[in-house]
Amino acid sequence: MAKIRIKWIKSDIGYPSDQKRTLKALGFHRLNETVEKEDTPVIRGMITKVNHMLLIEENENGSK
C-alpha cells in the first residue's frame, strides 16, 4: 500500500481539543515534525480534519 508523508506546519494553539487529539493520534509530538503513514481511509479522514495545519506529500511507490 502507498505511504503518505505528513508534516505538521502550523501550531494547534487556539484550535479545539478534538483537533489537538487528532494530531496526537496521527503520531505528532512537536511542530515541524514529519511522520509517514499508510494511505488508508482512516488516515485520510484524520488528515482532512486538520488539513489546515498539515503539509501532505504522497509517495506512489511506498518507499522513502
N, C-alpha and C. Protein backbone atom coordinates (compact mmCIF):
# COMPACT_ATOMS: atom_id res chain seq x y z
N MET A 1 0.84 -1.19 0.00
CA MET A 1 0.00 0.00 0.00
C MET A 1 0.88 1.24 0.00
N ALA A 2 0.40 2.31 -0.58
CA ALA A 2 1.16 3.56 -0.68
C ALA A 2 1.31 4.21 0.70
N LYS A 3 2.36 4.99 0.83
CA LYS A 3 2.64 5.72 2.06
C LYS A 3 2.38 7.21 1.83
N ILE A 4 2.08 7.90 2.92
CA ILE A 4 1.89 9.35 2.89
C ILE A 4 2.84 9.95 3.92
N ARG A 5 3.57 10.99 3.51
CA ARG A 5 4.38 11.75 4.45
C ARG A 5 3.58 12.97 4.85
N ILE A 6 3.49 13.20 6.15
CA ILE A 6 2.70 14.30 6.69
C ILE A 6 3.60 15.14 7.58
N LYS A 7 3.60 16.46 7.35
CA LYS A 7 4.39 17.36 8.18
C LYS A 7 3.45 18.34 8.87
N TRP A 8 3.64 18.50 10.18
CA TRP A 8 2.85 19.42 10.98
C TRP A 8 3.50 20.79 10.87
N ILE A 9 2.81 21.76 10.23
CA ILE A 9 3.44 23.05 9.94
C ILE A 9 2.81 24.24 10.65
N LYS A 10 1.67 24.06 11.31
CA LYS A 10 1.00 25.17 11.98
C LYS A 10 0.62 24.76 13.39
N SER A 11 0.84 25.66 14.34
CA SER A 11 0.56 25.37 15.74
C SER A 11 -0.92 25.08 15.98
N ASP A 12 -1.18 24.24 16.98
CA ASP A 12 -2.56 23.90 17.33
C ASP A 12 -3.12 24.81 18.42
N ILE A 13 -2.40 25.83 18.81
CA ILE A 13 -2.88 26.77 19.83
C ILE A 13 -4.09 27.51 19.28
N GLY A 14 -5.15 27.53 20.07
CA GLY A 14 -6.37 28.22 19.68
C GLY A 14 -7.36 27.36 18.91
N TYR A 15 -7.01 26.10 18.66
CA TYR A 15 -7.91 25.20 17.95
C TYR A 15 -8.60 24.28 18.96
N PRO A 16 -9.74 23.72 18.60
CA PRO A 16 -10.47 22.84 19.52
C PRO A 16 -9.65 21.61 19.94
N SER A 17 -9.99 21.09 21.09
CA SER A 17 -9.24 19.97 21.64
C SER A 17 -9.36 18.71 20.78
N ASP A 18 -10.47 18.54 20.05
CA ASP A 18 -10.59 17.35 19.21
C ASP A 18 -9.57 17.39 18.07
N GLN A 19 -9.23 18.58 17.57
CA GLN A 19 -8.20 18.69 16.54
C GLN A 19 -6.82 18.43 17.12
N LYS A 20 -6.58 18.85 18.35
CA LYS A 20 -5.31 18.58 19.02
C LYS A 20 -5.14 17.07 19.23
N ARG A 21 -6.22 16.40 19.61
CA ARG A 21 -6.16 14.94 19.81
C ARG A 21 -5.95 14.22 18.48
N THR A 22 -6.48 14.77 17.40
CA THR A 22 -6.28 14.16 16.08
C THR A 22 -4.80 14.23 15.70
N LEU A 23 -4.15 15.36 15.97
CA LEU A 23 -2.71 15.47 15.68
C LEU A 23 -1.92 14.44 16.48
N LYS A 24 -2.27 14.26 17.74
CA LYS A 24 -1.58 13.25 18.57
C LYS A 24 -1.83 11.85 18.04
N ALA A 25 -3.06 11.59 17.59
CA ALA A 25 -3.40 10.27 17.06
C ALA A 25 -2.65 9.98 15.76
N LEU A 26 -2.33 11.02 15.01
CA LEU A 26 -1.52 10.84 13.81
C LEU A 26 -0.05 10.57 14.14
N GLY A 27 0.34 10.77 15.40
CA GLY A 27 1.70 10.46 15.82
C GLY A 27 2.60 11.66 16.00
N PHE A 28 2.04 12.85 15.98
CA PHE A 28 2.87 14.05 16.14
C PHE A 28 3.13 14.35 17.61
N HIS A 29 4.33 14.86 17.89
CA HIS A 29 4.70 15.27 19.23
C HIS A 29 5.05 16.75 19.27
N ARG A 30 5.62 17.28 18.19
CA ARG A 30 6.03 18.68 18.18
C ARG A 30 5.88 19.27 16.78
N LEU A 31 5.83 20.58 16.72
CA LEU A 31 5.68 21.31 15.48
C LEU A 31 6.86 21.04 14.55
N ASN A 32 6.63 21.04 13.25
CA ASN A 32 7.62 20.78 12.20
C ASN A 32 8.12 19.34 12.19
N GLU A 33 7.40 18.45 12.82
CA GLU A 33 7.73 17.03 12.80
C GLU A 33 7.07 16.38 11.58
N THR A 34 7.74 15.37 11.02
CA THR A 34 7.21 14.63 9.88
C THR A 34 6.99 13.18 10.27
N VAL A 35 5.84 12.64 9.89
CA VAL A 35 5.54 11.23 10.12
C VAL A 35 5.15 10.61 8.79
N GLU A 36 5.32 9.30 8.69
CA GLU A 36 4.95 8.57 7.49
C GLU A 36 3.91 7.52 7.88
N LYS A 37 2.78 7.53 7.18
CA LYS A 37 1.66 6.64 7.49
C LYS A 37 1.21 5.92 6.23
N GLU A 38 0.53 4.79 6.41
CA GLU A 38 -0.10 4.08 5.30
C GLU A 38 -1.27 4.92 4.79
N ASP A 39 -1.51 4.87 3.50
CA ASP A 39 -2.61 5.61 2.88
C ASP A 39 -3.89 4.80 3.00
N THR A 40 -4.61 5.00 4.11
CA THR A 40 -5.87 4.31 4.36
C THR A 40 -6.99 5.34 4.50
N PRO A 41 -8.24 4.91 4.35
CA PRO A 41 -9.35 5.85 4.53
C PRO A 41 -9.39 6.48 5.93
N VAL A 42 -8.99 5.74 6.92
CA VAL A 42 -8.98 6.27 8.29
C VAL A 42 -7.99 7.41 8.42
N ILE A 43 -6.77 7.21 7.92
CA ILE A 43 -5.74 8.25 7.98
C ILE A 43 -6.16 9.44 7.14
N ARG A 44 -6.75 9.19 5.95
CA ARG A 44 -7.22 10.29 5.09
C ARG A 44 -8.28 11.14 5.82
N GLY A 45 -9.16 10.50 6.57
CA GLY A 45 -10.17 11.23 7.33
C GLY A 45 -9.56 12.10 8.41
N MET A 46 -8.55 11.56 9.09
CA MET A 46 -7.86 12.34 10.12
C MET A 46 -7.14 13.53 9.51
N ILE A 47 -6.51 13.32 8.36
CA ILE A 47 -5.81 14.40 7.67
C ILE A 47 -6.80 15.48 7.24
N THR A 48 -7.96 15.07 6.75
CA THR A 48 -8.98 16.03 6.31
C THR A 48 -9.43 16.92 7.47
N LYS A 49 -9.51 16.34 8.65
CA LYS A 49 -9.97 17.10 9.82
C LYS A 49 -9.01 18.22 10.21
N VAL A 50 -7.71 18.00 10.02
CA VAL A 50 -6.71 19.01 10.43
C VAL A 50 -5.82 19.44 9.26
N ASN A 51 -6.35 19.39 8.03
CA ASN A 51 -5.52 19.69 6.86
C ASN A 51 -5.01 21.12 6.82
N HIS A 52 -5.64 22.04 7.55
CA HIS A 52 -5.17 23.42 7.61
C HIS A 52 -3.88 23.56 8.42
N MET A 53 -3.47 22.51 9.14
CA MET A 53 -2.24 22.55 9.93
C MET A 53 -1.15 21.63 9.37
N LEU A 54 -1.42 20.96 8.25
CA LEU A 54 -0.52 19.94 7.74
C LEU A 54 -0.05 20.22 6.32
N LEU A 55 1.08 19.62 5.98
CA LEU A 55 1.58 19.58 4.61
C LEU A 55 1.68 18.11 4.25
N ILE A 56 1.05 17.72 3.14
CA ILE A 56 0.97 16.30 2.76
C ILE A 56 1.79 16.05 1.51
N GLU A 57 2.60 14.98 1.55
CA GLU A 57 3.38 14.54 0.41
C GLU A 57 3.08 13.06 0.18
N GLU A 58 2.57 12.74 -1.00
CA GLU A 58 2.22 11.36 -1.31
C GLU A 58 3.35 10.67 -2.06
N ASN A 59 3.65 9.45 -1.66
CA ASN A 59 4.64 8.62 -2.36
C ASN A 59 3.89 7.54 -3.12
N GLU A 60 4.11 7.47 -4.41
CA GLU A 60 3.40 6.49 -5.23
C GLU A 60 3.91 5.07 -5.02
N ASN A 61 5.23 4.92 -4.85
CA ASN A 61 5.81 3.58 -4.77
C ASN A 61 5.93 3.04 -3.35
N GLY A 62 5.61 3.84 -2.34
CA GLY A 62 5.66 3.37 -0.97
C GLY A 62 7.03 3.37 -0.34
N SER A 63 8.04 3.90 -1.04
CA SER A 63 9.39 3.95 -0.49
C SER A 63 9.72 5.37 -0.10
N LYS A 64 10.80 5.53 0.65
CA LYS A 64 11.21 6.86 1.09
C LYS A 64 11.85 7.66 0.02
